[in-house]
Amino acid sequence: MIEMDCTCVQKHHSIPTEVIEVSDHAIGKVADILKDYRRIFMVADENTYAVAGKRVEELLKNAGILSHSLILPAPALPNAENVGKVLMEAGRDRPVYDINAWSLNPDYILAVGSGSLNDTCRMVSYRLGIPYGVVGTAPSMDGSCTTAPSPGTSSSTCP
């Protein structure tokens, strides 16, 4: 848990961050880091899937903790269309979707990408009330942490 005092009206903020992993071969550690989850929904776009998503998907499948994946067309902007796709696909855990079939929602959303995918998955995790994480694929993923549900809100850099 990251906590900080602030001059805003709330006066104190906390961010329920479980792990920040910055290391060589960090992708290889993703299944171990997320071992306490059982139904991970991975979201990437075509570019980030090629760079890291395919490997992350394989590691999660081998660990038996991947529910399903969604690969969005690139570039996956954090717009209403993509938020809607991720929200709708979160509960679609089988190749052939049957609206009458019961399915479990994921217990974790994992974005593989950078700012836009992170923002999209953060919004959906907030709406579903489940945790999310990101495997950053760009240098712009500088450790900015926020529990804000949408872009345009303030954030602080994690120490």
Protein backbone atom coordinates (compact mmCIF):
# COMPACT_ATOMS: atom_id res chain seq x y z
CA MET A 1 0.00 0.00 0.00
CA ILE A 2 1.39 3.37 -1.00
CA GLU A 3 0.16 6.24 1.14
CA MET A 4 0.71 9.98 1.03
CA ASP A 5 -0.55 13.18 2.61
CA CYS A 6 -1.89 15.86 0.32
CA THR A 7 -3.08 19.46 0.42
CA CYS A 8 -6.33 18.61 -1.38
CA VAL A 9 -9.70 18.30 0.35
CA GLN A 10 -9.18 14.56 0.98
CA LYS A 11 -5.89 15.25 2.84
CA HIS A 12 -4.65 11.63 2.56
CA HIS A 13 -4.46 9.17 -0.32
CA SER A 14 -3.65 5.48 -0.51
CA ILE A 15 -3.00 3.32 -3.54
CA PRO A 16 -3.38 -0.44 -3.11
CA THR A 17 -0.26 -1.28 -5.12
CA GLU A 18 0.81 -4.87 -4.59
CA VAL A 19 4.02 -5.08 -6.64
CA ILE A 20 6.23 -2.88 -8.76
CA GLU A 21 8.77 -5.01 -10.64
CA VAL A 22 11.51 -3.25 -12.58
CA SER A 23 14.23 -5.69 -13.58
CA ASP A 24 15.83 -7.58 -16.40
CA HIS A 25 13.48 -10.31 -17.58
CA ALA A 26 10.57 -8.94 -15.52
CA ILE A 27 8.07 -10.44 -17.99
CA GLY A 28 9.28 -13.90 -17.01
CA LYS A 29 8.14 -13.19 -13.44
CA VAL A 30 4.55 -12.18 -14.29
CA ALA A 31 2.92 -15.55 -13.51
CA ASP A 32 4.66 -15.75 -10.15
CA ILE A 33 3.73 -12.17 -9.27
CA LEU A 34 0.07 -12.86 -10.12
CA LYS A 35 -0.10 -16.39 -8.65
CA ASP A 36 -2.83 -15.45 -6.17
CA TYR A 37 -5.32 -14.76 -8.99
CA ARG A 38 -7.20 -17.49 -10.85
CA ARG A 39 -9.05 -15.78 -13.73
CA ILE A 40 -6.83 -13.17 -15.35
CA PHE A 41 -8.20 -11.28 -18.35
CA MET A 42 -5.29 -10.02 -20.47
CA VAL A 43 -5.75 -7.03 -22.80
CA ALA A 44 -3.25 -5.92 -25.44
CA ASP A 45 -3.29 -4.38 -28.89
CA GLU A 46 -1.76 -5.86 -32.03
CA ASN A 47 1.55 -4.09 -31.45
CA THR A 48 1.94 -4.77 -27.75
CA TYR A 49 0.83 -8.38 -28.23
CA ALA A 50 3.71 -8.88 -30.66
CA VAL A 51 6.20 -7.16 -28.33
CA ALA A 52 5.24 -8.75 -25.00
CA GLY A 53 1.64 -9.97 -24.93
CA LYS A 54 2.21 -13.29 -26.62
CA ARG A 55 4.88 -14.20 -24.06
CA VAL A 56 2.76 -12.99 -21.11
CA GLU A 57 -0.24 -14.94 -22.42
CA GLU A 58 1.86 -18.10 -22.71
CA LEU A 59 3.22 -17.72 -19.17
CA LEU A 60 -0.25 -17.16 -17.69
CA LYS A 61 -1.70 -20.11 -19.64
CA ASN A 62 1.09 -22.40 -18.47
CA ALA A 63 0.45 -21.32 -14.88
CA GLY A 64 -3.27 -22.07 -15.31
CA ILE A 65 -4.35 -18.55 -14.34
CA LEU A 66 -5.32 -17.02 -17.70
CA SER A 67 -9.06 -16.76 -18.22
CA HIS A 68 -8.91 -15.24 -21.68
CA SER A 69 -7.32 -12.49 -23.77
CA LEU A 70 -8.49 -9.62 -25.92
CA ILE A 71 -6.27 -8.21 -28.66
CA LEU A 72 -7.50 -4.82 -29.83
CA PRO A 73 -6.63 -3.25 -33.19
CA ALA A 74 -3.64 -0.91 -32.94
CA PRO A 75 -3.45 1.79 -31.84
CA ALA A 76 -5.91 1.08 -29.02
CA LEU A 77 -6.99 4.53 -27.92
CA PRO A 78 -8.72 4.96 -24.53
CA ASN A 79 -12.05 5.88 -26.09
CA ALA A 80 -15.62 4.79 -25.39
CA GLU A 81 -15.49 2.13 -28.11
CA ASN A 82 -12.45 0.36 -26.64
CA VAL A 83 -13.61 0.74 -23.04
CA GLY A 84 -16.90 -0.84 -24.15
CA LYS A 85 -15.10 -3.70 -25.93
CA VAL A 86 -12.98 -4.48 -22.88
CA LEU A 87 -15.97 -4.23 -20.56
CA MET A 88 -18.08 -6.53 -22.75
CA GLU A 89 -15.27 -9.03 -23.32
CA ALA A 90 -14.37 -9.26 -19.63
CA GLY A 91 -17.09 -11.86 -19.08
CA ARG A 92 -16.62 -13.68 -22.40
CA ASP A 93 -14.40 -16.55 -21.33
CA ARG A 94 -15.09 -19.05 -24.14
CA PRO A 95 -14.57 -18.96 -27.91
CA VAL A 96 -18.27 -19.29 -28.73
CA TYR A 97 -20.30 -16.83 -26.72
CA ASP A 98 -23.66 -17.98 -25.45
CA ILE A 99 -25.55 -15.20 -23.70
CA ASN A 100 -27.51 -17.78 -21.71
CA ALA A 101 -24.40 -19.57 -20.41
CA TRP A 102 -23.04 -18.70 -16.99
CA SER A 103 -19.51 -17.38 -16.95
CA LEU A 104 -17.25 -16.05 -14.26
CA ASN A 105 -15.96 -12.54 -14.46
CA PRO A 106 -12.20 -12.25 -14.22
CA ASP A 107 -10.62 -11.60 -10.85
CA TYR A 108 -7.85 -9.47 -12.38
CA ILE A 109 -7.33 -7.43 -15.55
CA LEU A 110 -3.82 -7.28 -16.96
CA ALA A 111 -3.00 -4.64 -19.57
CA VAL A 112 0.01 -5.31 -21.76
CA GLY A 113 0.95 -1.97 -23.24
CA SER A 114 1.41 1.63 -22.24
CA GLY A 115 -0.72 4.68 -21.53
CA SER A 116 -3.81 4.05 -23.64
CA LEU A 117 -4.25 0.38 -22.71
CA ASN A 118 -3.43 1.17 -19.09
CA ASP A 119 -6.11 3.89 -19.02
CA THR A 120 -8.69 1.64 -20.69
CA CYS A 121 -8.08 -1.29 -18.33
CA ARG A 122 -7.98 0.99 -15.29
CA MET A 123 -11.43 2.34 -16.18
CA VAL A 124 -12.89 -1.15 -16.68
CA SER A 125 -11.33 -2.51 -13.47
CA TYR A 126 -12.82 0.42 -11.59
CA ARG A 127 -16.28 -0.21 -13.07
CA LEU A 128 -16.10 -3.97 -12.33
CA GLY A 129 -14.55 -3.50 -8.89
CA ILE A 130 -11.58 -5.79 -9.55
CA PRO A 131 -7.84 -5.11 -9.42
CA TYR A 132 -5.73 -4.54 -12.49
CA GLY A 133 -2.11 -4.29 -13.43
CA VAL A 134 0.02 -3.41 -16.39
CA VAL A 135 3.03 -4.92 -18.10
CA GLY A 136 4.54 -1.71 -19.44
CA THR A 137 5.88 -1.88 -22.97
CA ALA A 138 7.11 1.70 -23.44
CA PRO A 139 9.63 3.94 -21.71
CA SER A 140 6.76 6.34 -20.99
CA MET A 141 5.54 3.89 -18.32
CA ASP A 142 7.48 5.79 -15.68
CA GLY A 143 5.81 4.48 -12.54
CA SER A 144 2.90 6.91 -12.37
CA CYS A 145 0.38 5.45 -9.94
CA THR A 146 -3.23 6.48 -9.51
CA THR A 147 -6.52 4.94 -8.53
CA ALA A 148 -8.34 7.47 -10.71
CA PRO A 149 -10.87 5.76 -12.94
CA SER A 150 -10.22 7.86 -16.01
CA PRO A 151 -7.60 9.92 -17.82
CA GLY A 152 -7.36 13.60 -16.99
CA THR A 153 -7.19 13.24 -13.23
CA SER A 154 -4.15 14.02 -11.13
CA SER A 155 -1.54 11.40 -10.40
CA SER A 156 1.69 11.19 -8.49
CA THR A 157 4.94 9.45 -9.24
CA CYS A 158 5.62 6.50 -7.00
CA PRO A 159 8.86 6.74 -4.99
